[in-house]
N, C-alpha and C. Protein backbone atom coordinates (compact mmCIF):
# COMPACT_ATOMS: atom_id res chain seq x y z
N MET A 1 0.84 -1.20 0.26
CA MET A 1 0.12 0.03 -0.25
C MET A 1 0.65 1.17 0.09
N PHE A 2 0.46 2.67 -0.75
CA PHE A 2 1.35 3.61 -0.48
C PHE A 2 0.49 4.95 -0.59
N THR A 3 0.82 5.45 -0.46
CA THR A 3 -0.28 6.67 0.12
C THR A 3 0.06 8.08 -0.81
N GLY A 4 0.42 7.62 -1.51
CA GLY A 4 0.52 8.74 -3.02
C GLY A 4 1.35 10.00 -2.34
N ILE A 5 2.04 10.06 -1.83
CA ILE A 5 3.04 10.95 -1.50
C ILE A 5 4.50 10.90 -2.23
N ILE A 6 5.25 11.56 -3.06
CA ILE A 6 6.20 11.24 -3.49
C ILE A 6 7.43 11.46 -3.06
N GLU A 7 8.16 10.33 -2.76
CA GLU A 7 9.12 10.37 -2.42
C GLU A 7 10.26 11.36 -2.68
N THR A 8 10.44 10.90 -3.93
CA THR A 8 11.71 11.35 -4.94
C THR A 8 11.30 11.22 -6.40
N ILE A 9 11.97 11.65 -7.12
CA ILE A 9 12.02 11.52 -8.59
C ILE A 9 12.99 10.72 -9.37
N GLY A 10 13.00 9.53 -9.79
CA GLY A 10 14.18 9.03 -10.67
C GLY A 10 14.14 8.97 -12.31
N THR A 11 15.23 8.73 -12.44
CA THR A 11 16.00 8.95 -14.08
C THR A 11 16.16 7.91 -14.63
N VAL A 12 15.04 7.47 -15.75
CA VAL A 12 15.24 6.26 -16.17
C VAL A 12 16.79 6.28 -17.06
N GLN A 13 17.37 5.18 -16.80
CA GLN A 13 18.58 5.53 -17.47
C GLN A 13 18.82 4.19 -18.23
N LYS A 14 18.30 3.10 -18.24
CA LYS A 14 18.45 2.13 -19.25
C LYS A 14 16.58 1.42 -19.40
N ILE A 15 16.71 1.08 -20.82
CA ILE A 15 15.23 0.25 -20.86
C ILE A 15 15.77 -0.97 -22.06
N GLU A 16 15.64 -1.93 -21.30
CA GLU A 16 15.68 -3.12 -21.98
C GLU A 16 14.89 -4.08 -22.16
N SER A 17 14.26 -5.06 -23.33
CA SER A 17 13.03 -5.47 -23.68
C SER A 17 13.49 -6.93 -23.61
N GLU A 18 12.54 -7.69 -22.99
CA GLU A 18 13.00 -9.34 -22.72
C GLU A 18 11.33 -9.81 -23.46
N LEU A 19 11.05 -10.73 -24.45
CA LEU A 19 10.04 -10.81 -24.68
C LEU A 19 8.46 -9.85 -24.88
N ALA A 20 7.65 -10.01 -23.80
CA ALA A 20 6.71 -8.83 -23.87
C ALA A 20 7.16 -7.93 -22.54
N ASN A 21 8.06 -8.44 -21.91
CA ASN A 21 8.26 -7.16 -20.72
C ASN A 21 9.02 -6.37 -21.20
N LEU A 22 9.06 -5.20 -19.72
CA LEU A 22 10.62 -4.19 -20.20
C LEU A 22 10.89 -4.28 -19.21
N HIS A 23 12.34 -4.24 -18.69
CA HIS A 23 13.24 -3.88 -17.97
C HIS A 23 13.37 -2.55 -17.73
N PHE A 24 13.37 -1.77 -16.35
CA PHE A 24 13.52 -0.78 -16.50
C PHE A 24 14.82 -0.32 -15.50
N TYR A 25 15.65 0.65 -16.19
CA TYR A 25 16.79 0.63 -14.76
C TYR A 25 16.83 2.40 -14.53
N ILE A 26 16.47 1.95 -13.14
CA ILE A 26 16.04 3.78 -12.35
C ILE A 26 17.25 4.16 -11.45
N SER A 27 17.60 5.21 -11.63
CA SER A 27 18.90 6.06 -10.76
C SER A 27 17.99 7.08 -10.03
N SER A 28 17.94 6.98 -8.89
CA SER A 28 16.75 8.07 -7.79
C SER A 28 17.85 8.13 -6.73
N ALA A 29 17.60 9.03 -5.54
CA ALA A 29 18.26 9.31 -4.30
C ALA A 29 17.88 8.24 -3.67
N ILE A 30 17.06 7.50 -3.72
CA ILE A 30 16.90 6.50 -2.77
C ILE A 30 17.24 4.44 -3.21
N SER A 31 17.88 4.78 -4.76
CA SER A 31 18.29 3.65 -5.43
C SER A 31 18.54 2.49 -4.71
N ASP A 32 20.02 3.26 -3.53
CA ASP A 32 20.68 2.40 -2.82
C ASP A 32 19.83 1.94 -1.65
N GLU A 33 19.11 2.83 -0.96
CA GLU A 33 18.43 2.45 -0.02
C GLU A 33 17.48 1.25 -0.46
N LEU A 34 17.33 0.70 -1.52
CA LEU A 34 16.24 -0.37 -1.84
C LEU A 34 16.94 -1.71 -1.29
N LYS A 35 16.07 -2.59 -1.56
CA LYS A 35 16.29 -3.96 -1.40
C LYS A 35 15.43 -4.99 -2.49
N VAL A 36 16.27 -5.85 -3.00
CA VAL A 36 15.60 -6.97 -3.80
C VAL A 36 14.65 -7.01 -3.30
N ASP A 37 13.46 -7.87 -4.33
CA ASP A 37 12.07 -7.64 -3.53
C ASP A 37 11.21 -6.94 -2.82
N GLN A 38 11.87 -5.94 -3.38
CA GLN A 38 10.98 -4.72 -2.44
C GLN A 38 9.93 -4.39 -3.65
N SER A 39 8.90 -3.71 -2.89
CA SER A 39 7.60 -3.06 -3.99
C SER A 39 7.56 -1.83 -3.30
N VAL A 40 7.93 -0.95 -4.74
CA VAL A 40 8.21 0.74 -5.17
C VAL A 40 7.09 0.86 -6.04
N SER A 41 6.65 2.12 -5.78
CA SER A 41 5.80 2.83 -7.02
C SER A 41 6.62 3.55 -8.04
N HIS A 42 6.47 3.42 -9.01
CA HIS A 42 6.80 3.85 -10.22
C HIS A 42 5.68 4.66 -11.18
N ASN A 43 5.73 5.85 -10.93
CA ASN A 43 4.22 6.73 -11.97
C ASN A 43 2.99 6.11 -11.09
N GLY A 44 3.24 5.73 -10.16
CA GLY A 44 1.76 4.94 -9.53
C GLY A 44 1.57 3.77 -9.90
N VAL A 45 2.40 2.74 -10.38
CA VAL A 45 2.46 1.45 -10.86
C VAL A 45 3.40 0.43 -9.71
N CYS A 46 2.99 -0.35 -8.86
CA CYS A 46 3.71 -1.22 -7.90
C CYS A 46 4.53 -2.30 -8.73
N LEU A 47 5.60 -1.74 -8.88
CA LEU A 47 6.59 -2.75 -9.55
C LEU A 47 7.77 -3.01 -8.25
N THR A 48 8.18 -4.25 -8.40
CA THR A 48 9.19 -5.29 -7.93
C THR A 48 10.54 -4.86 -8.06
N VAL A 49 11.61 -4.68 -6.82
CA VAL A 49 13.05 -4.11 -7.52
C VAL A 49 13.53 -5.75 -7.33
N VAL A 50 14.18 -5.93 -8.64
CA VAL A 50 14.76 -7.29 -9.03
C VAL A 50 16.12 -7.23 -9.20
N GLU A 51 16.86 -6.16 -9.08
CA GLU A 51 18.19 -5.87 -9.18
C GLU A 51 18.78 -4.84 -8.82
N LEU A 52 20.32 -4.82 -8.12
CA LEU A 52 20.77 -3.60 -7.69
C LEU A 52 21.97 -3.28 -8.40
N GLU A 53 22.42 -1.81 -8.65
CA GLU A 53 23.65 -1.42 -8.95
C GLU A 53 23.81 -0.60 -8.38
N PRO A 54 25.13 0.10 -8.41
CA PRO A 54 25.48 1.57 -7.60
C PRO A 54 24.57 2.86 -8.07
N GLY A 55 23.81 3.03 -7.11
CA GLY A 55 23.02 4.31 -7.57
C GLY A 55 21.94 4.19 -8.34
N VAL A 56 21.74 2.44 -8.59
CA VAL A 56 20.70 2.19 -9.76
C VAL A 56 19.90 1.05 -9.07
N HIS A 57 18.38 1.31 -9.30
CA HIS A 57 17.74 -0.34 -9.44
C HIS A 57 16.93 -0.91 -10.40
N LYS A 58 16.51 -1.73 -10.62
CA LYS A 58 16.01 -2.70 -11.74
C LYS A 58 14.43 -3.12 -11.69
N VAL A 59 13.44 -2.60 -12.48
CA VAL A 59 12.33 -3.04 -11.88
C VAL A 59 11.88 -3.68 -13.27
N THR A 60 10.60 -4.66 -13.66
CA THR A 60 10.30 -5.01 -14.95
C THR A 60 8.67 -5.16 -14.83
N ALA A 61 8.44 -4.58 -15.95
CA ALA A 61 6.99 -4.52 -16.47
C ALA A 61 6.40 -5.50 -17.41
N ILE A 62 5.47 -6.43 -16.87
CA ILE A 62 4.83 -7.64 -18.31
C ILE A 62 3.65 -6.43 -18.35
N ARG A 63 3.52 -7.39 -19.72
CA ARG A 63 2.57 -6.68 -20.75
C ARG A 63 1.17 -6.39 -20.43
N GLU A 64 0.16 -6.92 -19.21
CA GLU A 64 -0.57 -6.19 -18.69
C GLU A 64 -0.35 -4.88 -17.90
N THR A 65 0.57 -4.50 -17.38
CA THR A 65 1.22 -3.20 -16.78
C THR A 65 1.62 -2.64 -18.17
N LEU A 66 1.99 -2.65 -18.86
CA LEU A 66 2.42 -1.80 -19.82
C LEU A 66 1.29 -1.37 -20.83
N GLU A 67 -0.24 -2.69 -20.66
CA GLU A 67 -1.19 -1.99 -21.85
C GLU A 67 -1.85 -0.82 -20.84
N LYS A 68 -2.17 -0.69 -19.74
CA LYS A 68 -2.86 -0.28 -18.62
C LYS A 68 -1.93 1.10 -18.44
N SER A 69 -0.73 1.27 -18.43
CA SER A 69 -0.23 2.45 -17.61
C SER A 69 0.75 3.25 -18.98
N ASN A 70 1.10 4.34 -18.63
CA ASN A 70 2.29 4.63 -19.67
C ASN A 70 3.38 4.65 -19.45
N LEU A 71 4.24 3.64 -18.59
CA LEU A 71 5.37 3.02 -18.52
C LEU A 71 5.94 2.56 -20.25
N GLY A 72 4.99 1.87 -20.62
CA GLY A 72 5.38 1.60 -21.87
C GLY A 72 5.81 2.88 -22.85
N LEU A 73 5.64 4.41 -22.83
CA LEU A 73 6.04 5.19 -23.33
C LEU A 73 7.26 5.76 -22.81
N LEU A 74 7.66 5.40 -21.71
CA LEU A 74 9.39 6.23 -21.03
C LEU A 74 10.48 5.95 -22.25
N LYS A 75 10.57 7.06 -22.14
CA LYS A 75 12.41 6.60 -22.90
C LYS A 75 13.78 7.06 -21.93
N GLU A 76 14.70 6.61 -22.08
CA GLU A 76 15.92 7.09 -21.54
C GLU A 76 15.94 8.47 -21.57
N GLY A 77 16.11 9.25 -20.24
CA GLY A 77 16.26 10.19 -19.64
C GLY A 77 15.13 10.25 -18.76
N ASP A 78 13.75 9.94 -19.12
CA ASP A 78 12.68 10.60 -18.66
C ASP A 78 12.69 10.20 -17.20
N ILE A 79 12.05 11.25 -16.28
CA ILE A 79 11.71 10.91 -15.21
C ILE A 79 10.48 10.32 -14.47
N VAL A 80 10.28 9.66 -13.42
CA VAL A 80 9.25 8.91 -12.54
C VAL A 80 9.11 9.32 -11.51
N ASN A 81 8.11 9.40 -10.56
CA ASN A 81 7.75 9.41 -9.72
C ASN A 81 7.78 8.67 -8.81
N ILE A 82 8.27 8.25 -7.72
CA ILE A 82 9.07 7.54 -6.85
C ILE A 82 8.43 7.53 -5.61
N GLU A 83 7.66 6.05 -5.00
CA GLU A 83 7.39 6.02 -3.48
C GLU A 83 7.80 4.81 -3.05
N ARG A 84 8.10 4.63 -1.81
CA ARG A 84 8.17 3.23 -1.26
C ARG A 84 7.16 2.96 -0.65
N CYS A 85 6.75 1.73 0.02
CA CYS A 85 5.32 1.43 0.38
C CYS A 85 5.31 2.11 1.79
N THR A 86 3.94 2.15 2.14
CA THR A 86 3.74 2.46 3.65
C THR A 86 4.35 1.83 4.81
N GLN A 87 4.89 2.38 5.41
CA GLN A 87 5.40 1.64 6.57
C GLN A 87 3.91 1.48 7.49
N ILE A 88 4.02 0.55 8.13
CA ILE A 88 2.82 0.08 9.60
C ILE A 88 3.10 1.09 10.59
N GLY A 89 2.30 2.01 11.14
CA GLY A 89 2.42 2.77 12.24
C GLY A 89 2.28 4.30 11.77
N GLY A 90 2.77 4.47 10.22
CA GLY A 90 3.39 5.72 9.76
C GLY A 90 1.65 6.40 9.27
N ARG A 91 2.52 8.07 9.10
CA ARG A 91 1.15 8.42 8.54
C ARG A 91 0.92 8.33 7.45
N LEU A 92 -0.26 8.21 7.11
CA LEU A 92 -1.15 8.25 5.91
C LEU A 92 -1.30 9.73 5.34
N ASP A 93 -0.38 10.40 4.80
CA ASP A 93 -0.68 11.99 4.73
C ASP A 93 -1.36 12.11 3.14
N GLY A 94 -1.55 11.27 2.15
CA GLY A 94 -2.14 11.04 1.39
C GLY A 94 -3.52 10.43 1.22
N HIS A 95 -3.48 10.01 0.39
CA HIS A 95 -4.93 8.31 0.69
C HIS A 95 -4.63 7.07 0.54
N ILE A 96 -5.46 5.94 0.31
CA ILE A 96 -5.09 4.86 0.44
C ILE A 96 -4.81 4.54 -1.25
N VAL A 97 -3.63 3.99 -1.73
CA VAL A 97 -3.03 4.06 -2.89
C VAL A 97 -2.47 2.19 -2.80
N GLN A 98 -3.20 1.74 -4.23
CA GLN A 98 -2.51 -0.13 -4.00
C GLN A 98 -1.52 0.00 -4.78
N GLY A 99 -0.87 1.40 -6.01
CA GLY A 99 -0.10 0.79 -6.87
C GLY A 99 -0.90 0.19 -8.11
N HIS A 100 -2.16 0.05 -8.39
CA HIS A 100 -2.68 -0.87 -9.39
C HIS A 100 -3.58 0.22 -10.12
N VAL A 101 -2.75 0.71 -11.16
CA VAL A 101 -3.25 1.96 -12.24
C VAL A 101 -4.08 1.03 -12.81
N ASP A 102 -5.76 1.95 -12.81
CA ASP A 102 -6.90 1.31 -13.29
C ASP A 102 -6.79 1.48 -15.34
N GLN A 103 -5.78 3.06 -15.38
CA GLN A 103 -6.32 3.19 -17.10
C GLN A 103 -5.22 4.39 -16.86
N THR A 104 -5.18 4.96 -18.56
CA THR A 104 -4.25 6.24 -18.63
C THR A 104 -5.44 7.54 -18.48
N ALA A 105 -4.61 8.70 -18.81
CA ALA A 105 -6.00 9.31 -19.38
C ALA A 105 -4.55 10.35 -20.41
N ILE A 106 -5.34 11.60 -20.77
CA ILE A 106 -4.98 12.58 -21.77
C ILE A 106 -4.77 13.96 -21.11
N CYS A 107 -3.30 14.65 -20.66
CA CYS A 107 -3.65 15.94 -20.10
C CYS A 107 -4.46 17.03 -21.32
N ILE A 108 -5.48 17.85 -20.98
CA ILE A 108 -5.90 18.15 -22.14
C ILE A 108 -5.91 19.46 -22.10
N ALA A 109 -5.39 19.81 -20.76
CA ALA A 109 -5.20 21.27 -20.35
C ALA A 109 -4.51 21.55 -19.50
N ALA A 110 -3.42 22.70 -19.12
CA ALA A 110 -2.18 23.24 -18.18
C ALA A 110 -2.55 24.50 -18.02
N GLU A 111 -3.16 25.12 -17.29
CA GLU A 111 -3.53 26.35 -17.03
C GLU A 111 -3.02 26.99 -15.74
N PRO A 112 -2.10 28.15 -16.07
CA PRO A 112 -1.51 28.55 -14.73
C PRO A 112 -2.19 29.59 -14.33
N GLN A 113 -2.72 29.20 -12.73
CA GLN A 113 -3.36 30.17 -12.34
C GLN A 113 -2.59 30.90 -11.35
N ASP A 114 -2.78 31.56 -10.48
CA ASP A 114 -2.37 32.42 -9.43
C ASP A 114 -1.60 32.33 -8.53
N GLY A 115 -0.33 31.15 -8.50
CA GLY A 115 0.24 30.58 -7.67
C GLY A 115 0.14 29.02 -7.54
N SER A 116 -0.10 28.25 -8.53
CA SER A 116 -0.56 27.25 -9.16
C SER A 116 -0.81 27.01 -10.57
N VAL A 117 -1.02 25.52 -10.93
CA VAL A 117 -1.23 24.99 -12.03
C VAL A 117 -2.78 24.41 -12.21
N LEU A 118 -3.54 24.51 -12.95
CA LEU A 118 -4.87 23.52 -13.10
C LEU A 118 -4.61 22.96 -14.46
N PHE A 119 -4.10 21.68 -13.71
CA PHE A 119 -4.44 20.32 -15.03
C PHE A 119 -5.56 19.30 -15.12
N THR A 120 -5.90 19.60 -16.57
CA THR A 120 -7.31 18.63 -16.89
C THR A 120 -6.96 17.82 -17.44
N PHE A 121 -7.65 16.46 -17.34
CA PHE A 121 -7.40 15.21 -17.32
C PHE A 121 -8.41 14.53 -18.33
N GLU A 122 -8.35 14.23 -19.45
CA GLU A 122 -9.59 13.43 -20.10
C GLU A 122 -9.29 11.98 -19.65
N TYR A 123 -10.39 11.13 -19.78
CA TYR A 123 -10.13 9.46 -19.78
C TYR A 123 -11.45 8.86 -20.18
N GLU A 124 -11.43 7.67 -20.44
CA GLU A 124 -12.95 6.76 -21.21
C GLU A 124 -13.15 6.76 -19.73
N PRO A 125 -14.33 6.61 -19.52
CA PRO A 125 -15.44 6.83 -18.32
C PRO A 125 -15.76 5.13 -18.32
N GLY A 126 -15.74 4.59 -17.17
CA GLY A 126 -16.37 3.44 -16.54
C GLY A 126 -16.86 3.63 -15.43
N PRO A 127 -17.87 2.29 -15.32
CA PRO A 127 -19.15 2.29 -14.02
C PRO A 127 -17.72 2.26 -12.79
N LYS A 128 -16.91 1.70 -12.85
CA LYS A 128 -16.14 1.75 -11.40
C LYS A 128 -15.21 3.02 -11.52
N ASN A 129 -14.49 3.92 -12.36
CA ASN A 129 -13.56 4.67 -12.63
C ASN A 129 -14.13 5.88 -13.07
N ILE A 130 -14.19 6.40 -11.61
CA ILE A 130 -15.59 8.11 -11.07
C ILE A 130 -14.21 8.38 -10.21
N THR A 131 -14.68 9.88 -10.80
CA THR A 131 -14.12 10.77 -9.66
C THR A 131 -15.39 11.41 -9.08
N VAL A 132 -14.92 12.15 -8.00
CA VAL A 132 -15.90 13.44 -7.12
C VAL A 132 -14.98 14.52 -6.30
N GLU A 133 -15.91 15.76 -6.48
CA GLU A 133 -15.68 16.62 -6.30
C GLU A 133 -14.63 16.85 -5.02
N LYS A 134 -13.26 17.33 -4.93
CA LYS A 134 -13.08 17.29 -3.55
C LYS A 134 -12.58 16.00 -2.76
N GLY A 135 -12.71 14.69 -3.89
CA GLY A 135 -12.09 13.26 -3.97
C GLY A 135 -11.07 13.16 -3.77
N SER A 136 -10.14 12.31 -3.80
CA SER A 136 -9.04 11.91 -4.12
C SER A 136 -9.05 10.93 -5.38
N VAL A 137 -8.03 11.24 -6.06
CA VAL A 137 -7.04 10.50 -7.48
C VAL A 137 -5.69 10.35 -7.12
N THR A 138 -5.50 9.51 -8.03
CA THR A 138 -3.97 9.33 -8.12
C THR A 138 -3.30 9.64 -9.42
N VAL A 139 -2.65 10.43 -10.10
CA VAL A 139 -1.99 10.66 -10.99
C VAL A 139 -0.90 10.57 -10.98
N ASN A 140 0.03 9.37 -12.06
CA ASN A 140 1.54 9.31 -12.10
C ASN A 140 1.94 9.06 -10.53
N GLY A 141 0.80 8.38 -9.84
CA GLY A 141 1.16 7.71 -8.43
C GLY A 141 1.49 8.91 -7.46
N ILE A 142 0.81 10.22 -7.69
CA ILE A 142 0.85 11.83 -6.94
C ILE A 142 -0.82 11.52 -6.30
N SER A 143 -0.81 11.95 -5.11
CA SER A 143 -2.12 11.81 -4.27
C SER A 143 -2.49 13.44 -4.51
N LEU A 144 -3.93 13.39 -5.36
CA LEU A 144 -4.41 14.77 -5.78
C LEU A 144 -5.51 14.84 -5.30
N THR A 145 -6.45 16.29 -4.96
CA THR A 145 -7.78 16.35 -4.79
C THR A 145 -8.30 16.44 -6.21
N VAL A 146 -9.28 16.25 -6.34
CA VAL A 146 -10.00 16.52 -7.40
C VAL A 146 -11.15 17.86 -7.69
N VAL A 147 -10.73 18.31 -8.97
CA VAL A 147 -11.77 19.60 -8.99
C VAL A 147 -12.37 19.65 -9.93
N ASN A 148 -13.83 19.92 -10.51
CA ASN A 148 -14.20 20.24 -11.73
C ASN A 148 -14.29 18.62 -12.33
N SER A 149 -15.10 17.79 -11.73
CA SER A 149 -15.08 16.84 -12.00
C SER A 149 -16.46 16.55 -12.65
N GLU A 150 -16.48 15.50 -14.13
CA GLU A 150 -17.07 15.41 -15.24
C GLU A 150 -17.20 13.89 -15.11
N ARG A 151 -18.29 13.58 -16.13
CA ARG A 151 -17.96 12.25 -16.65
C ARG A 151 -16.97 11.22 -16.95
N ASN A 152 -16.20 12.25 -17.78
CA ASN A 152 -14.72 11.53 -18.41
C ASN A 152 -13.39 12.54 -18.37
N SER A 153 -13.79 13.62 -17.34
CA SER A 153 -12.63 14.39 -17.38
C SER A 153 -12.80 14.75 -15.79
N PHE A 154 -11.51 15.62 -15.24
CA PHE A 154 -11.49 16.13 -13.81
C PHE A 154 -10.24 16.91 -14.20
N SER A 155 -10.09 17.82 -13.31
CA SER A 155 -9.21 18.73 -12.96
C SER A 155 -8.77 18.65 -11.87
N VAL A 156 -6.91 18.79 -11.61
CA VAL A 156 -6.50 19.06 -10.37
C VAL A 156 -5.56 20.67 -10.25
N ALA A 157 -5.54 21.16 -8.91
CA ALA A 157 -5.14 22.26 -8.79
C ALA A 157 -3.51 21.78 -8.23
N ILE A 158 -2.39 22.04 -9.46
CA ILE A 158 -0.74 21.55 -8.73
C ILE A 158 -0.12 22.87 -7.66
N ILE A 159 0.14 22.81 -6.55
CA ILE A 159 0.55 23.57 -5.80
C ILE A 159 2.18 23.79 -6.30
N PRO A 160 3.14 24.94 -6.05
CA PRO A 160 4.64 25.19 -7.01
C PRO A 160 5.52 23.81 -6.35
N PHE A 161 5.14 23.12 -4.80
CA PHE A 161 5.91 22.26 -4.25
C PHE A 161 5.45 21.10 -5.31
N THR A 162 4.37 20.36 -5.31
CA THR A 162 4.52 19.23 -6.06
C THR A 162 5.00 19.43 -7.08
N LEU A 163 4.48 20.79 -8.11
CA LEU A 163 4.99 20.57 -9.57
C LEU A 163 6.45 20.53 -9.54
N GLU A 164 7.41 21.30 -8.51
CA GLU A 164 8.93 21.12 -8.34
C GLU A 164 9.01 19.76 -8.05
N HIS A 165 8.77 18.74 -7.02
CA HIS A 165 8.98 17.70 -7.00
C HIS A 165 8.80 16.45 -7.69
N THR A 166 7.79 16.63 -8.38
CA THR A 166 6.96 15.59 -9.36
C THR A 166 7.16 15.65 -10.63
N ASN A 167 7.23 14.42 -11.54
CA ASN A 167 7.00 14.75 -12.89
C ASN A 167 6.22 15.50 -13.63
N LEU A 168 5.15 16.19 -13.08
CA LEU A 168 4.23 17.41 -13.47
C LEU A 168 4.61 18.26 -14.10
N LYS A 169 6.10 18.42 -13.55
CA LYS A 169 6.64 19.65 -14.02
C LYS A 169 7.24 19.85 -15.47
N ASP A 170 7.21 18.06 -15.79
CA ASP A 170 7.50 18.15 -17.52
C ASP A 170 6.30 18.04 -18.52
N LEU A 171 5.03 17.88 -17.33
CA LEU A 171 3.86 17.60 -17.76
C LEU A 171 3.36 18.30 -19.34
N THR A 172 2.95 18.22 -20.57
CA THR A 172 2.45 18.97 -21.55
C THR A 172 1.16 18.01 -21.47
N VAL A 173 0.16 19.37 -22.40
CA VAL A 173 -0.72 19.12 -22.98
C VAL A 173 -0.43 17.66 -23.83
N GLY A 174 -1.50 16.79 -23.99
CA GLY A 174 -1.35 15.76 -25.30
C GLY A 174 -0.52 14.55 -24.25
N GLN A 175 0.04 15.02 -23.29
CA GLN A 175 0.84 13.25 -22.58
C GLN A 175 -0.05 12.72 -22.10
N THR A 176 0.31 11.80 -21.64
CA THR A 176 -0.36 10.28 -21.11
C THR A 176 -0.12 9.90 -19.91
N VAL A 177 -1.10 10.17 -18.49
CA VAL A 177 -0.40 9.64 -17.53
C VAL A 177 -1.50 8.76 -17.02
N ASN A 178 -1.14 8.45 -15.82
CA ASN A 178 -1.52 6.81 -14.94
C ASN A 178 -2.30 7.05 -13.89
N LEU A 179 -3.58 6.44 -14.07
CA LEU A 179 -4.75 6.93 -12.78
C LEU A 179 -5.03 5.40 -12.35
N GLU A 180 -5.35 6.24 -10.82
CA GLU A 180 -5.36 5.04 -10.04
C GLU A 180 -6.67 5.47 -9.31
N PHE A 181 -8.31 5.23 -9.04
CA PHE A 181 -9.42 5.78 -8.71
C PHE A 181 -8.90 5.23 -7.15
N ASP A 182 -9.67 5.97 -6.48
CA ASP A 182 -10.31 6.05 -5.10
C ASP A 182 -10.59 4.61 -5.18
N ILE A 183 -10.22 3.94 -3.96
CA ILE A 183 -10.87 1.96 -3.81
C ILE A 183 -11.64 2.26 -3.42
N ILE A 184 -12.06 3.41 -1.96
CA ILE A 184 -13.40 3.52 -1.36
C ILE A 184 -14.53 3.64 -2.73
N GLY A 185 -14.32 4.36 -3.51
CA GLY A 185 -15.38 4.84 -4.50
C GLY A 185 -15.46 3.56 -5.57
N LYS A 186 -14.06 2.63 -5.63
CA LYS A 186 -14.30 1.77 -6.40
C LYS A 186 -15.64 0.68 -5.62
N TYR A 187 -15.71 0.39 -4.47
CA TYR A 187 -15.98 -0.44 -3.93
C TYR A 187 -17.14 -0.11 -3.71
N VAL A 188 -17.98 1.49 -3.33
CA VAL A 188 -19.42 1.84 -3.19
C VAL A 188 -19.49 1.58 -4.88
N SER A 189 -19.43 1.61 -5.94
CA SER A 189 -19.76 1.46 -7.14
C SER A 189 -19.99 0.25 -7.59
N ARG A 190 -19.44 -0.58 -6.82
CA ARG A 190 -19.19 -2.45 -7.21
C ARG A 190 -20.72 -2.64 -6.11
N ILE A 191 -20.56 -1.92 -4.65
CA ILE A 191 -22.06 -2.46 -4.35
C ILE A 191 -23.25 -2.14 -4.90
N MET A 192 -22.97 -0.78 -5.42
CA MET A 192 -24.32 -0.36 -5.60
C MET A 192 -24.92 -1.16 -7.10
N GLU A 193 -23.66 -1.61 -7.84
CA GLU A 193 -23.78 -2.49 -9.28
C GLU A 193 -24.40 -3.88 -8.58
N LEU A 194 -24.30 -4.23 -7.41
CA LEU A 194 -24.58 -5.60 -6.97
C LEU A 194 -26.03 -5.94 -6.39
N ARG A 195 -26.22 -4.77 -5.98
CA ARG A 195 -27.58 -4.01 -5.36
C ARG A 195 -28.58 -4.16 -6.51
N GLY A 196 -27.98 -3.24 -7.76
CA GLY A 196 -28.97 -3.37 -8.97
C GLY A 196 -29.81 -2.00 -8.84
C-alpha cells in the first residue's frame, strides 16, 4: 500500500526488452536504500525491485502493466515519480493507494493560475472509474484532490512544491498519465452495482 506522497523522482537510465516485458533501470536518491524484492511505486505502478547496481535499481513491467499504464511510453532520460510502500504505524498523508493503475488519461489542459497550475485530464469513463468533487485520485502516483469532476474528465490544482518535486513539472498537453481511482469509491460503486 502507498499514500500517493512522492518520495523522490528517478531518471530512466536504460530500458531493455525481453519477450513482452520491459526492464527499467532507474537512478534515484533512494536506489541505494532499496532491497531486491521490495515493492516500489513508479508513476503509480507497484513494481518489484529485481536487481541493484550502485545508485540504480531495476524493475520489470509485464505486458498487462504496459497496456494499462504509461510505462511503455517511457524513454531513456525520462523522470518517474517514486514512492516506497507505507510503513505500518506511519502517517497516511495522502490517501490509500494500491499501486494498481486502473487506466491512463490524456492531459488536455495546463492552465497557470495565481500561484498554481490547473491540469485537466480526459479519460475513458467506466462504472467503477469515477471521480467526485474534493475526492482523491492518483495521477502518476501522486495523491491529488479532484476539482471540476465530469463524466470523463477532471481537473487538479497543483501547488508549486508538488510541481517542483514530481514529474508533473514536465507534463504538457497531449501527454499520457496513469490514473488510479479511489479504492473506497470503487467498492461503493461495486456494492451499488450488485444491489441493482
